[in-house]
Amino acid sequence: MNDRTTLVSAPGKVLLAGGFLVLDPQYFGIVISTSARFYTLIRPLPATFTSSDSIRVKVQAAQFPKQESVWEYDLSLSNKVELKPCTEKDEGNKFVQLTIDCALRYALEVVGEEGVRKGLGSGVEIIVLADNDFYSQSDKVRLLYAEYSRDLHSRILSRLLAARAD
């Protein structure tokens, strides 16, 4: 098991009013918490995915088919965050990119460039998992993973934890 692997959980929220871009300080929203949870597994990327010029950031939404739910970005740091989709044909996911960008800008302010570089190493993989009720495509998810029955999210979480041992 890699000691740099981290698994975190947070309660979910439902946006009642306001803009979806609540990560941007000029927007605000009213939310309520829910009993459903989000889980995020963060671990170093295998050496085969890394580049010497930049830091690779790979994000996967674990509940959806891989070809539709993996976004990879190259991160350049020189006293500022520059996050770009890995390939020109890949537009990325603007919400994922904005979230990573905001988190990295905050980290840069708190621990500085050296701290961010040390924390991310040559690359990081982020696997996100949420209860199905958060997705407008929840029926599609249930159909794709019908064999998992009612405890879908528990089984996927178990797989993420097992992957942590790899």
Protein backbone atom coordinates (compact mmCIF):
# COMPACT_ATOMS: atom_id res chain seq x y z
CA MET A 1 0.00 0.00 0.00
CA ASN A 2 1.24 3.47 -0.87
CA ASP A 3 1.29 5.79 2.15
CA ARG A 4 0.49 8.77 -0.11
CA THR A 5 -2.97 7.38 -0.92
CA THR A 6 -5.79 9.31 0.74
CA LEU A 7 -9.49 8.53 0.96
CA VAL A 8 -11.84 11.29 2.15
CA SER A 9 -15.59 11.52 2.52
CA ALA A 10 -17.88 14.55 2.71
CA PRO A 11 -21.60 15.00 3.14
CA GLY A 12 -23.45 16.00 0.02
CA LYS A 13 -25.34 19.22 -0.61
CA VAL A 14 -28.27 20.13 -2.80
CA LEU A 15 -28.27 23.55 -4.47
CA LEU A 16 -31.64 25.21 -3.84
CA ALA A 17 -30.97 28.61 -5.39
CA GLY A 18 -28.08 30.40 -7.00
CA GLY A 19 -25.41 29.64 -9.55
CA PHE A 20 -23.68 26.33 -10.11
CA LEU A 21 -20.34 28.11 -10.18
CA VAL A 22 -20.30 28.61 -6.41
CA LEU A 23 -16.55 27.95 -6.44
CA ASP A 24 -16.14 31.34 -8.08
CA PRO A 25 -16.22 34.04 -5.35
CA GLN A 26 -18.52 36.30 -7.39
CA TYR A 27 -21.33 33.69 -7.29
CA PHE A 28 -23.27 32.34 -4.35
CA GLY A 29 -25.95 29.77 -3.69
CA ILE A 30 -28.22 28.40 -1.01
CA VAL A 31 -27.64 24.74 -0.23
CA ILE A 32 -28.93 22.11 2.19
CA SER A 33 -26.97 19.10 3.36
CA THR A 34 -28.09 15.55 2.66
CA SER A 35 -27.38 12.17 4.18
CA ALA A 36 -25.80 11.04 0.90
CA ARG A 37 -22.02 11.27 0.70
CA PHE A 38 -19.22 11.94 -1.75
CA TYR A 39 -15.98 9.95 -1.61
CA THR A 40 -12.67 10.87 -3.16
CA LEU A 41 -9.60 8.67 -3.46
CA ILE A 42 -6.35 10.47 -4.25
CA ARG A 43 -3.17 8.58 -5.07
CA PRO A 44 0.07 9.03 -7.00
CA LEU A 45 -0.03 8.12 -10.67
CA PRO A 46 2.10 5.19 -11.81
CA ALA A 47 5.39 6.33 -13.34
CA THR A 48 4.16 5.37 -16.84
CA PHE A 49 1.69 8.27 -16.78
CA THR A 50 4.12 11.00 -15.83
CA SER A 51 5.87 13.69 -17.83
CA SER A 52 9.04 15.57 -16.96
CA ASP A 53 7.65 18.94 -18.12
CA SER A 54 4.46 19.05 -16.11
CA ILE A 55 2.46 17.36 -13.38
CA ARG A 56 -0.29 15.06 -14.64
CA VAL A 57 -3.70 15.26 -12.94
CA LYS A 58 -6.09 12.44 -13.84
CA VAL A 59 -9.71 12.54 -12.65
CA GLN A 60 -12.24 9.72 -12.93
CA ALA A 61 -15.92 9.59 -11.97
CA ALA A 62 -15.97 5.94 -10.91
CA GLN A 63 -19.68 5.34 -11.41
CA PHE A 64 -19.69 5.98 -15.13
CA PRO A 65 -18.10 4.18 -18.09
CA LYS A 66 -14.40 4.99 -18.24
CA GLN A 67 -14.44 6.38 -21.79
CA GLU A 68 -17.01 9.02 -20.71
CA SER A 69 -15.69 9.88 -17.28
CA VAL A 70 -11.91 10.27 -17.31
CA TRP A 71 -10.31 13.68 -17.72
CA GLU A 72 -6.56 14.26 -17.77
CA TYR A 73 -4.82 17.58 -17.32
CA ASP A 74 -1.25 18.81 -17.41
CA LEU A 75 -0.34 21.19 -14.62
CA SER A 76 2.42 23.75 -14.98
CA LEU A 77 3.55 25.73 -11.95
CA SER A 78 5.65 28.86 -11.95
CA ASN A 79 4.17 30.92 -9.13
CA LYS A 80 0.77 30.41 -10.75
CA VAL A 81 -1.45 27.50 -11.74
CA GLU A 82 -1.77 26.59 -15.42
CA LEU A 83 -4.05 23.62 -15.93
CA LYS A 84 -4.72 22.39 -19.47
CA PRO A 85 -6.39 19.28 -20.91
CA CYS A 86 -3.69 16.77 -21.93
CA THR A 87 -4.58 16.62 -25.59
CA GLU A 88 -5.82 19.32 -27.92
CA LYS A 89 -8.77 17.16 -28.98
CA ASP A 90 -9.82 16.67 -25.35
CA GLU A 91 -11.81 19.65 -24.11
CA GLY A 92 -11.80 18.30 -20.58
CA ASN A 93 -14.63 18.99 -18.17
CA LYS A 94 -14.98 22.65 -17.24
CA PHE A 95 -16.45 21.89 -13.80
CA VAL A 96 -13.71 19.39 -12.93
CA GLN A 97 -11.07 21.77 -14.27
CA LEU A 98 -12.45 24.73 -12.28
CA THR A 99 -12.55 22.69 -9.08
CA ILE A 100 -8.96 21.48 -9.48
CA ASP A 101 -7.81 24.97 -10.48
CA CYS A 102 -9.39 26.55 -7.36
CA ALA A 103 -7.98 23.87 -5.05
CA LEU A 104 -4.49 24.23 -6.52
CA ARG A 105 -4.56 28.03 -6.34
CA TYR A 106 -5.48 27.77 -2.67
CA ALA A 107 -2.71 25.21 -2.05
CA LEU A 108 -0.23 27.48 -3.83
CA GLU A 109 -1.16 30.35 -1.48
CA VAL A 110 -0.95 28.18 1.64
CA VAL A 111 2.12 25.98 1.05
CA GLY A 112 3.83 27.66 -1.90
CA GLU A 113 5.05 26.17 -5.15
CA GLU A 114 7.56 23.83 -3.52
CA GLY A 115 4.90 22.42 -1.19
CA VAL A 116 2.48 21.84 -4.07
CA ARG A 117 5.18 20.13 -6.14
CA LYS A 118 6.17 17.92 -3.22
CA GLY A 119 2.54 17.01 -2.50
CA LEU A 120 1.67 16.12 -6.10
CA GLY A 121 4.96 14.52 -7.09
CA SER A 122 5.00 13.86 -10.82
CA GLY A 123 1.29 13.13 -11.01
CA VAL A 124 -1.88 12.38 -9.11
CA GLU A 125 -5.02 10.34 -9.78
CA ILE A 126 -8.33 11.50 -8.30
CA ILE A 127 -11.24 9.05 -8.23
CA VAL A 128 -14.61 10.54 -7.30
CA LEU A 129 -17.65 8.55 -6.22
CA ALA A 130 -21.04 9.80 -5.07
CA ASP A 131 -24.39 8.34 -4.20
CA ASN A 132 -26.44 7.89 -7.37
CA ASP A 133 -29.10 10.36 -6.24
CA PHE A 134 -26.74 13.23 -7.03
CA TYR A 135 -26.76 12.48 -10.74
CA SER A 136 -29.42 13.38 -13.26
CA GLN A 137 -28.35 10.18 -15.04
CA SER A 138 -29.06 7.96 -12.03
CA ASP A 139 -31.34 5.69 -14.09
CA LYS A 140 -28.52 5.18 -16.60
CA VAL A 141 -26.11 4.34 -13.78
CA ARG A 142 -28.55 1.84 -12.29
CA LEU A 143 -29.00 0.16 -15.68
CA LEU A 144 -25.25 0.01 -16.34
CA TYR A 145 -24.51 -1.48 -12.95
CA ALA A 146 -27.74 -3.39 -12.25
CA GLU A 147 -25.76 -6.42 -11.08
CA TYR A 148 -24.58 -4.45 -8.07
CA SER A 149 -28.17 -4.03 -6.81
CA ARG A 150 -28.91 -1.73 -3.90
CA ASP A 151 -25.42 -1.51 -2.41
CA LEU A 152 -23.74 -0.20 -5.58
CA HIS A 153 -21.88 2.57 -3.87
CA SER A 154 -20.62 0.31 -1.07
CA ARG A 155 -19.24 -2.18 -3.56
CA ILE A 156 -17.54 0.49 -5.67
CA LEU A 157 -16.07 2.02 -2.52
CA SER A 158 -14.74 -1.42 -1.55
CA ARG A 159 -13.10 -1.66 -4.97
CA LEU A 160 -11.52 1.76 -4.52
CA LEU A 161 -10.14 0.70 -1.15
CA ALA A 162 -8.84 -2.55 -2.65
CA ALA A 163 -7.18 -0.54 -5.43
CA ARG A 164 -5.50 1.49 -2.71
CA ALA A 165 -3.51 -1.62 -1.78
CA ASP A 166 -2.10 -1.90 -5.34
